Amino acid sequence: MSQRIIITGATGMVGEGVLLTCLAQPDVEAVLSISRKPSGHTHPKLRELLVKDFFDLSGIESELAGYTACFFCAGISSVGMKEAEYTHITHDLTLYFARTLLRYSPQATFVYVSGSGTSADSRQMWARVKGHTENELLALPFGRVAAFRPGVMLPVPGQRHDSYRAITWLAKWLRPALPRFICTMREVALAMLNTARHGAPKPVLEVPDIVQLAR
């Protein structure tokens, strides 16, 4: 079955890595990138929709129909943010997008990228907010829903955005000793695609689960 993928956050590190990997897969027929600014990449399979306000999708709702999966990679750092503000952008925005997509592609697979350490019971604000977001997404009646919790991610070739650029060499060296915390962006993307193709063994996937599912 050909895959038609929606990706959010393609201008960020995770989204860009997922975008480049998806475009290289033979069974990916089309990729729709939804973001606030252009990704900087061109490809025959790629179409981009620029949205000024992710809390108002009324002008593009019909564009969300007919997709087999959505890889929600958009996100921001919680550094310097109060919990209410971070919740609005991380939880409320994600749920609004997901519920809008559900009306137009209810059969789709929805994959949400949270992060290693996420938990609704955490004392850390970001982890608690993302944990609640995961829980509410997993309750939505999509064809499939999965939450990915990657840690440090090594970039894919051609990637322009790399938050770990300064420590990439160190992460590569440490990976054999820290398999629970380090994976590649390509593994994240391939695991997402395999979730869309065949399903995932569990609803919440940590780094070792992601690596195994990518194979």
Protein backbone atom coordinates (compact mmCIF):
# COMPACT_ATOMS: atom_id res chain seq x y z
CA MET A 1 0.00 0.00 0.00
CA SER A 2 1.34 3.41 -0.97
CA GLN A 3 1.81 5.86 1.87
CA ARG A 4 0.58 9.44 1.80
CA ILE A 5 2.19 11.25 4.70
CA ILE A 6 1.56 14.52 6.50
CA ILE A 7 4.56 15.89 8.41
CA THR A 8 4.51 18.85 10.78
CA GLY A 9 7.67 20.55 11.97
CA ALA A 10 9.77 19.92 8.84
CA THR A 11 11.73 23.10 9.56
CA GLY A 12 13.00 21.58 12.81
CA MET A 13 15.56 18.86 13.48
CA VAL A 14 13.19 15.92 13.94
CA GLY A 15 10.76 16.90 11.21
CA GLU A 16 13.49 17.52 8.65
CA GLY A 17 15.11 14.16 9.31
CA VAL A 18 11.74 12.41 9.03
CA LEU A 19 10.92 14.35 5.85
CA LEU A 20 14.16 13.41 4.08
CA THR A 21 13.84 9.77 5.04
CA CYS A 22 10.21 9.55 3.93
CA LEU A 23 10.94 11.13 0.56
CA ALA A 24 13.56 8.43 -0.09
CA GLN A 25 11.15 5.51 0.47
CA PRO A 26 9.71 3.87 -2.69
CA ASP A 27 6.28 3.22 -1.15
CA VAL A 28 5.82 6.84 -0.06
CA GLU A 29 3.69 8.35 -2.78
CA ALA A 30 3.32 11.87 -1.42
CA VAL A 31 4.40 14.01 1.51
CA LEU A 32 2.51 17.08 2.67
CA SER A 33 4.59 19.34 4.90
CA ILE A 34 2.56 21.70 7.06
CA SER A 35 4.59 24.41 8.74
CA ARG A 36 4.90 28.14 9.28
CA LYS A 37 7.80 28.57 6.86
CA PRO A 38 9.31 26.65 3.92
CA SER A 39 11.42 23.60 4.70
CA GLY A 40 14.06 24.58 2.16
CA HIS A 41 13.77 21.22 0.40
CA THR A 42 12.23 20.40 -2.98
CA HIS A 43 11.19 17.00 -4.29
CA PRO A 44 8.60 15.69 -6.77
CA LYS A 45 6.76 13.95 -3.91
CA LEU A 46 6.77 17.00 -1.63
CA ARG A 47 4.06 19.63 -1.31
CA GLU A 48 4.18 22.34 1.33
CA LEU A 49 1.36 24.21 3.03
CA LEU A 50 2.37 27.30 4.98
CA VAL A 51 0.13 28.07 7.92
CA LYS A 52 0.47 31.26 9.94
CA ASP A 53 -1.62 30.05 12.85
CA PHE A 54 -1.74 26.35 13.72
CA PHE A 55 -4.77 27.07 15.90
CA ASP A 56 -6.73 28.04 12.79
CA LEU A 57 -6.74 25.36 10.10
CA SER A 58 -10.06 26.46 8.65
CA GLY A 59 -8.47 27.51 5.37
CA ILE A 60 -6.73 24.19 4.74
CA GLU A 61 -8.98 21.58 6.37
CA SER A 62 -9.99 20.00 3.08
CA GLU A 63 -6.29 19.50 2.24
CA LEU A 64 -6.04 16.98 5.10
CA ALA A 65 -8.23 14.35 3.44
CA GLY A 66 -6.93 11.08 2.05
CA TYR A 67 -3.69 10.67 3.99
CA THR A 68 -2.52 7.38 5.45
CA ALA A 69 -0.41 8.86 8.25
CA CYS A 70 0.55 12.01 10.09
CA PHE A 71 3.95 12.31 11.74
CA PHE A 72 3.59 15.14 14.23
CA CYS A 73 7.15 16.38 14.75
CA ALA A 74 6.43 20.00 15.61
CA GLY A 75 7.50 21.11 19.04
CA ILE A 76 9.32 23.74 21.09
CA SER A 77 11.68 23.82 24.02
CA SER A 78 10.16 24.49 27.43
CA VAL A 79 13.19 26.53 28.52
CA GLY A 80 12.06 29.86 29.95
CA MET A 81 8.36 29.06 29.54
CA LYS A 82 5.66 28.91 32.19
CA GLU A 83 3.55 25.74 32.33
CA ALA A 84 0.36 27.40 31.05
CA GLU A 85 2.12 28.81 28.01
CA TYR A 86 3.94 25.56 27.26
CA THR A 87 0.70 23.58 27.70
CA HIS A 88 -1.10 25.85 25.24
CA ILE A 89 1.52 25.38 22.54
CA THR A 90 2.41 21.74 23.17
CA HIS A 91 -0.81 20.13 24.37
CA ASP A 92 -3.64 22.32 23.09
CA LEU A 93 -2.17 22.89 19.63
CA THR A 94 -1.35 19.21 19.08
CA LEU A 95 -4.82 18.08 20.13
CA TYR A 96 -6.46 20.72 17.97
CA PHE A 97 -4.47 19.59 14.94
CA ALA A 98 -5.12 15.91 15.63
CA ARG A 99 -8.86 16.37 16.10
CA THR A 100 -9.08 18.40 12.90
CA LEU A 101 -7.19 15.71 10.97
CA LEU A 102 -9.45 13.04 12.47
CA ARG A 103 -12.46 14.54 10.70
CA TYR A 104 -10.79 14.25 7.29
CA SER A 105 -8.51 11.19 7.55
CA PRO A 106 -9.97 9.07 10.36
CA GLN A 107 -8.28 5.92 9.09
CA ALA A 108 -4.82 7.48 9.31
CA THR A 109 -1.97 6.54 11.62
CA PHE A 110 -1.04 9.40 13.95
CA VAL A 111 2.49 9.37 15.37
CA TYR A 112 3.39 11.93 18.01
CA VAL A 113 6.99 12.74 18.92
CA SER A 114 7.36 13.49 22.61
CA GLY A 115 10.70 12.57 24.16
CA SER A 116 12.62 10.29 26.45
CA GLY A 117 11.51 10.84 30.03
CA THR A 118 7.95 11.83 29.17
CA SER A 119 5.41 10.96 31.88
CA ALA A 120 2.13 12.49 33.01
CA ASP A 121 3.31 11.89 36.59
CA SER A 122 6.70 13.56 36.17
CA ARG A 123 7.88 16.39 38.37
CA GLN A 124 9.39 17.98 35.27
CA MET A 125 6.95 20.36 33.65
CA TRP A 126 7.74 19.52 30.02
CA ALA A 127 7.55 15.77 30.63
CA ARG A 128 4.24 16.10 32.47
CA VAL A 129 2.66 18.23 29.72
CA LYS A 130 3.83 15.87 26.99
CA GLY A 131 2.63 12.89 29.04
CA HIS A 132 -0.88 14.30 29.22
CA THR A 133 -0.71 15.06 25.50
CA GLU A 134 0.29 11.46 24.75
CA ASN A 135 -2.57 10.08 26.84
CA GLU A 136 -5.22 12.18 25.12
CA LEU A 137 -3.87 11.43 21.65
CA LEU A 138 -3.84 7.70 22.35
CA ALA A 139 -7.55 7.89 23.15
CA LEU A 140 -8.46 9.35 19.75
CA PRO A 141 -10.12 6.92 17.30
CA PHE A 142 -7.57 7.08 14.47
CA GLY A 143 -6.68 3.91 12.61
CA ARG A 144 -3.55 3.78 14.78
CA VAL A 145 -1.93 6.13 17.29
CA ALA A 146 1.61 5.88 18.66
CA ALA A 147 3.80 8.06 20.84
CA PHE A 148 7.53 8.06 20.15
CA ARG A 149 10.00 8.92 22.90
CA PRO A 150 13.40 9.37 21.24
CA GLY A 151 16.46 10.64 23.08
CA VAL A 152 19.57 11.94 21.31
CA MET A 153 19.16 11.48 17.56
CA LEU A 154 21.93 11.34 14.97
CA PRO A 155 21.11 13.29 11.77
CA VAL A 156 20.49 11.92 8.30
CA PRO A 157 22.67 12.95 5.32
CA GLY A 158 21.62 16.26 3.83
CA GLN A 159 20.03 17.52 7.01
CA ARG A 160 20.41 21.24 7.68
CA HIS A 161 18.96 21.33 11.18
CA ASP A 162 20.90 19.43 13.83
CA SER A 163 20.48 20.45 17.46
CA TYR A 164 23.11 17.91 18.43
CA ARG A 165 25.70 19.09 15.90
CA ALA A 166 28.22 19.97 18.61
CA ILE A 167 28.03 16.50 20.17
CA THR A 168 27.23 14.31 17.15
CA TRP A 169 30.71 12.82 17.12
CA LEU A 170 30.44 12.07 20.83
CA ALA A 171 26.96 10.55 20.47
CA LYS A 172 28.19 8.23 17.70
CA TRP A 173 31.02 7.09 19.94
CA LEU A 174 28.79 6.63 22.99
CA ARG A 175 25.91 4.93 21.22
CA PRO A 176 27.08 1.33 21.81
CA ALA A 177 27.29 2.06 25.53
CA LEU A 178 23.98 3.98 25.69
CA PRO A 179 21.54 2.09 23.44
CA ARG A 180 18.56 3.21 25.53
CA PHE A 181 19.22 6.89 24.87
CA ILE A 182 20.71 7.27 21.37
CA CYS A 183 19.29 6.40 17.95
CA THR A 184 19.38 7.83 14.46
CA MET A 185 16.87 10.12 12.82
CA ARG A 186 16.56 7.57 10.04
CA GLU A 187 15.55 4.91 12.56
CA VAL A 188 12.90 7.22 13.97
CA ALA A 189 11.46 7.86 10.50
CA LEU A 190 11.58 4.21 9.43
CA ALA A 191 9.87 3.17 12.67
CA MET A 192 7.15 5.74 11.98
CA LEU A 193 6.65 4.37 8.49
CA ASN A 194 6.52 0.80 9.77
CA THR A 195 3.92 1.88 12.31
CA ALA A 196 1.83 3.21 9.42
CA ARG A 197 2.44 0.09 7.33
CA HIS A 198 2.00 -2.65 9.90
CA GLY A 199 1.31 -1.14 13.32
CA ALA A 200 3.52 -0.89 16.39
CA PRO A 201 3.96 -3.53 19.13
CA LYS A 202 2.94 -1.02 21.81
CA PRO A 203 1.36 2.45 21.90
CA VAL A 204 4.35 4.17 23.55
CA LEU A 205 7.80 3.47 22.11
CA GLU A 206 11.09 4.19 23.85
CA VAL A 207 14.45 4.28 22.03
CA PRO A 208 15.05 0.47 21.95
CA ASP A 209 11.49 -0.04 20.65
CA ILE A 210 12.05 2.55 17.93
CA VAL A 211 15.29 0.93 16.82
CA GLN A 212 13.70 -2.53 16.72
CA LEU A 213 10.66 -1.30 14.80
CA ALA A 214 12.89 0.43 12.24
CA ARG A 215 14.45 -2.88 11.19
